[in-house]
Protein backbone atom coordinates (compact mmCIF):
# COMPACT_ATOMS: atom_id res chain seq x y z
CA MET A 1 85.31 82.21 109.52
CA GLU A 2 82.98 79.72 111.13
CA HIS A 3 84.67 76.70 109.54
CA PRO A 4 88.41 76.28 109.89
CA SER A 5 90.47 75.70 106.72
CA PRO A 6 92.24 72.42 106.26
CA SER A 7 95.35 74.02 107.82
CA GLY A 8 93.28 75.33 110.81
CA ALA A 9 93.05 78.97 109.75
CA ARG A 10 89.97 81.00 110.61
CA TYR A 11 91.15 84.51 109.48
CA PHE A 12 92.78 86.06 106.39
CA VAL A 13 94.44 89.34 105.81
CA THR A 14 95.12 91.19 102.58
CA PHE A 15 97.73 93.71 101.62
CA LYS A 16 97.07 95.73 98.44
CA ASP A 17 99.60 97.90 96.49
CA ASP A 18 98.06 101.21 95.51
CA TYR A 19 100.15 101.59 92.44
CA SER A 20 99.80 98.26 90.63
CA GLY A 21 96.66 96.94 92.29
CA TRP A 22 98.64 93.81 93.28
CA CYS A 23 97.01 92.01 96.23
CA SER A 24 98.61 89.55 98.62
CA VAL A 25 96.56 87.34 100.92
CA HIS A 26 97.71 85.54 104.09
CA PHE A 27 95.84 83.18 106.43
CA MET A 28 97.26 84.00 109.81
CA ASN A 29 97.59 87.43 111.30
CA PRO A 30 98.61 91.05 110.39
CA ALA A 31 102.15 90.51 111.76
CA LEU A 32 102.80 88.86 108.36
CA PHE A 33 102.84 92.43 106.96
CA LEU A 34 106.50 92.52 107.98
CA ASN A 35 107.19 89.48 105.81
CA PHE A 36 105.26 91.13 103.07
CA VAL A 37 107.46 94.22 103.32
CA ALA A 38 110.51 92.09 102.84
CA SER A 39 109.05 90.27 99.88
CA VAL A 40 108.18 93.62 98.19
CA LYS A 41 111.79 94.67 98.40
CA THR A 42 113.08 91.41 97.07
CA GLN A 43 110.58 91.02 94.25
CA THR A 44 110.32 94.60 93.02
CA GLY A 45 113.31 96.44 94.47
CA ASN A 46 110.93 99.06 96.00
CA ASN A 47 110.30 99.84 99.61
CA VAL A 48 106.91 100.08 101.33
CA VAL A 49 106.56 103.68 102.24
CA VAL A 50 103.05 103.90 103.89
CA LEU A 51 100.73 101.38 105.49
CA ARG A 52 97.06 102.44 105.40
CA SER A 53 94.76 100.49 107.65
CA ASP A 54 91.73 100.89 109.96
CA ASN A 55 92.09 101.23 113.70
CA GLY A 56 91.98 97.55 114.44
CA GLY A 57 93.85 96.45 117.51
CA GLU A 58 96.04 94.16 115.48
CA TYR A 59 97.59 97.22 113.86
CA MET A 60 97.75 99.42 116.83
CA GLY A 61 99.96 97.30 119.08
CA LYS A 62 103.03 99.01 120.50
CA ASP A 63 105.47 96.35 119.25
CA PHE A 64 103.99 96.46 115.70
CA ARG A 65 104.08 100.20 115.50
CA ASN A 66 107.58 100.38 116.81
CA LYS A 67 108.69 97.93 114.11
CA LEU A 68 107.06 100.17 111.46
CA MET A 69 109.04 103.18 112.86
CA GLN A 70 112.29 101.19 112.67
CA LEU A 71 111.53 100.31 108.97
CA GLY A 72 110.69 103.89 108.25
CA ILE A 73 107.08 103.08 107.23
CA ARG A 74 104.51 105.77 107.95
CA HIS A 75 101.27 104.33 109.36
CA GLU A 76 98.04 106.08 108.29
CA THR A 77 94.77 105.05 109.75
CA SER A 78 91.06 105.83 109.01
CA ALA A 79 89.14 107.91 111.49
CA PRO A 80 87.30 105.94 114.19
CA TYR A 81 84.06 104.37 112.81
CA THR A 82 84.81 105.69 109.32
CA PRO A 83 85.42 102.51 107.13
CA ALA A 84 84.93 104.61 104.00
CA GLN A 85 88.35 106.17 104.54
CA ASN A 86 89.83 102.77 104.13
CA GLY A 87 87.88 102.18 100.94
CA VAL A 88 90.43 100.50 98.84
CA ALA A 89 90.86 97.63 101.36
CA GLU A 90 87.15 97.48 102.16
CA ARG A 91 86.18 97.13 98.50
CA SER A 92 88.98 94.71 97.76
CA ASN A 93 88.00 92.37 100.67
CA ARG A 94 84.33 92.57 99.70
CA THR A 95 85.19 91.62 96.03
CA ILE A 96 87.50 88.82 97.16
CA PHE A 97 84.86 87.35 99.57
CA HIS A 98 82.04 87.50 97.09
CA ALA A 99 84.19 85.88 94.43
CA ALA A 100 85.23 83.17 96.80
CA ARG A 101 81.61 82.49 97.83
CA SER A 102 80.51 82.30 94.18
CA ILE A 103 83.19 79.78 93.16
CA ILE A 104 82.51 77.64 96.21
CA TYR A 105 78.86 77.19 95.28
CA SER A 106 79.41 77.07 91.56
CA SER A 107 81.97 74.34 91.85
CA ARG A 108 80.15 72.68 94.77
CA VAL A 109 83.25 72.15 96.84
CA PRO A 110 83.11 71.71 100.67
CA ILE A 111 82.80 74.93 102.71
CA GLN A 112 86.02 74.01 104.52
CA LEU A 113 87.93 74.95 101.33
CA TRP A 114 87.08 78.68 101.81
CA ALA A 115 90.79 79.57 102.24
CA GLU A 116 91.65 77.92 98.98
CA ALA A 117 88.74 79.75 97.30
CA ILE A 118 89.94 83.08 98.83
CA ALA A 119 93.53 82.46 97.59
CA TYR A 120 92.23 81.46 94.07
CA SER A 121 90.02 84.61 93.89
CA VAL A 122 93.05 86.78 94.79
CA TYR A 123 95.18 84.89 92.28
CA THR A 124 92.50 85.52 89.62
CA LEU A 125 91.93 89.11 90.42
CA ASN A 126 95.60 89.81 90.19
CA ARG A 127 95.46 88.52 86.61
CA VAL A 128 92.49 90.39 85.20
CA LEU A 129 92.06 93.91 84.02
CA SER A 130 90.10 96.53 86.00
CA SER A 131 88.08 99.27 84.33
CA THR A 132 90.86 101.81 84.93
CA ALA A 133 93.98 99.78 84.33
CA GLU A 134 95.91 99.24 81.07
CA VAL A 135 97.68 96.08 82.31
CA THR A 136 96.77 93.45 84.93
CA PRO A 137 98.25 93.78 88.51
CA TYR A 138 100.31 90.62 87.75
CA GLU A 139 101.88 92.30 84.66
CA ALA A 140 102.62 95.45 86.62
CA TRP A 141 104.19 93.47 89.44
CA TYR A 142 106.14 90.75 87.62
CA LYS A 143 106.49 92.27 84.08
CA ARG A 144 105.11 89.15 82.41
CA ARG A 145 101.67 87.75 81.41
CA PRO A 146 99.56 85.45 83.58
CA TYR A 147 97.84 82.00 83.01
CA LEU A 148 94.65 80.65 84.64
CA ARG A 149 92.86 77.38 85.30
CA ILE A 150 89.28 76.79 86.41
CA PHE A 151 88.71 76.34 90.12
CA GLY A 152 86.89 73.20 91.15
CA SER A 153 87.88 71.23 88.01
CA ARG A 154 88.50 67.52 88.26
CA ILE A 155 92.19 66.92 88.63
CA PHE A 156 94.31 63.73 88.44
CA VAL A 157 97.55 63.89 90.53
CA HIS A 158 100.35 61.64 89.59
CA ILE A 159 101.55 59.14 92.33
CA PRO A 160 105.29 58.77 92.26
CA GLU A 161 106.54 55.32 91.54
CA SER A 162 108.27 55.12 94.97
CA LEU A 163 104.90 55.61 96.71
CA ARG A 164 102.92 52.85 94.90
CA LYS A 165 103.06 49.18 94.30
CA LYS A 166 103.04 47.56 90.82
CA LEU A 167 99.29 47.17 90.50
CA ASP A 168 98.34 50.44 92.31
CA PRO A 169 96.80 53.24 90.29
CA LYS A 170 99.20 55.81 88.88
CA SER A 171 97.14 58.86 89.88
CA ARG A 172 94.56 59.99 92.50
CA GLU A 173 91.55 61.95 91.69
CA GLY A 174 90.86 65.23 93.39
CA ILE A 175 89.70 68.91 93.02
CA PHE A 176 91.85 71.67 91.53
CA VAL A 177 91.91 74.49 94.14
CA GLY A 178 94.71 76.72 92.99
CA TYR A 179 98.42 77.19 92.57
CA CYS A 180 101.42 76.71 94.90
CA GLU A 181 103.07 80.14 95.57
CA SER A 182 106.45 78.65 96.65
CA SER A 183 106.98 76.25 93.66
CA LYS A 184 105.84 75.67 90.07
CA ALA A 185 103.10 73.26 91.08
CA PHE A 186 99.26 72.91 91.43
CA ARG A 187 97.18 72.54 94.65
CA ALA A 188 94.64 69.80 94.78
CA TRP A 189 92.14 68.69 97.42
CA ILE A 190 91.91 64.93 97.77
CA PRO A 191 88.46 64.29 99.31
CA ASN A 192 89.05 60.65 100.49
CA LYS A 193 92.30 61.81 102.15
CA GLN A 194 90.87 65.19 103.46
CA LYS A 195 94.01 67.02 102.65
CA ILE A 196 95.71 69.28 100.24
CA VAL A 197 98.48 67.89 98.03
CA ILE A 198 100.91 69.81 95.86
CA SER A 199 102.18 68.42 92.55
CA ARG A 200 103.61 69.43 89.33
CA ASP A 201 102.54 66.33 87.46
CA VAL A 202 98.77 66.64 87.02
CA PHE A 203 96.04 66.36 84.43
CA ILE A 204 93.27 68.93 84.86
CA ASP A 205 89.87 68.23 83.21
CA GLU A 206 88.30 71.70 82.91
CA THR A 207 85.22 70.33 81.18
CA ASN A 208 83.93 68.81 84.43
CA THR A 209 83.85 69.79 88.10
CA PHE A 210 84.50 67.11 90.71
CA PHE A 211 81.13 67.66 92.33
CA SER A 212 79.02 67.87 89.18
CA GLY A 213 75.46 67.13 90.18
CA THR A 214 76.03 67.60 93.87
CA ASP A 215 75.79 70.47 96.43
CA ASN A 216 78.82 71.97 98.05
CA SER A 217 78.97 69.24 100.74
CA GLY A 218 79.30 66.66 98.03
CA SER A 219 76.69 64.45 99.60
CA GLU A 220 73.28 65.29 98.04
CA SER A 221 72.15 65.51 94.42
CA ILE A 222 71.09 68.91 93.27
CA TRP A 223 70.46 70.40 89.80
CA PHE A 224 70.98 74.05 88.83
CA PRO A 225 69.18 75.36 85.72
CA PRO A 226 71.38 77.28 83.25
CA TYR A 227 69.22 80.39 83.70
CA GLU A 228 66.10 81.49 85.40
CA THR A 229 62.98 80.70 83.39
CA GLN A 230 61.20 83.83 82.26
CA PRO A 231 57.45 84.01 81.45
CA GLU A 232 56.54 84.44 77.77
CA LEU A 233 55.55 88.03 76.80
CA THR A 234 52.94 88.96 74.24
CA LEU A 235 53.35 92.34 72.61
CA SER A 236 50.33 94.14 71.00
């Protein structure tokens, strides 16, 4: 990505389970696949049997391939210059990227929040039905139903009493940008602090976006019509 995320990431990698359709996204490098393998075993009790990828150098390194052999994971790659053979990953990444771009501009959040938008897109796609599935990837993976909030909504994050004085406000205003994967909490971008905060105690106003009436930089006023005006037609 041209713009680094708030944590400094410029790349993301996704791992998708063929059976359930469950997708996992990470914002560092493909070596995190080994952590993903461990999490699959812990969360589902199943082992990763095959890794399918393209011929990217990040997957073809000697150390990485040796580790796959030690874990008993077969590595299947697409033929050189044949991305169609890695179609599941190609289509998934395209869908995720298009979804992230759409929610960035529809919610008018800063471009630098692209990683939050990517994570939110994956979170959402894991919780919706596809045209061929009877249950969502989330239900197939965790055996329970999901819950969703609207990206870009205005969020008010409670400030703990120990971090404020008597007359200080009890909450700070920000933008809802997703969910914390490591705890039961929400992720919020605080514009005046230029940072992501994680909190369980929030109020989310899903009727308004933080940047209502502004573009995605939050600096200039812009108006989007609800639909494209169509010319009147006269039938005879």
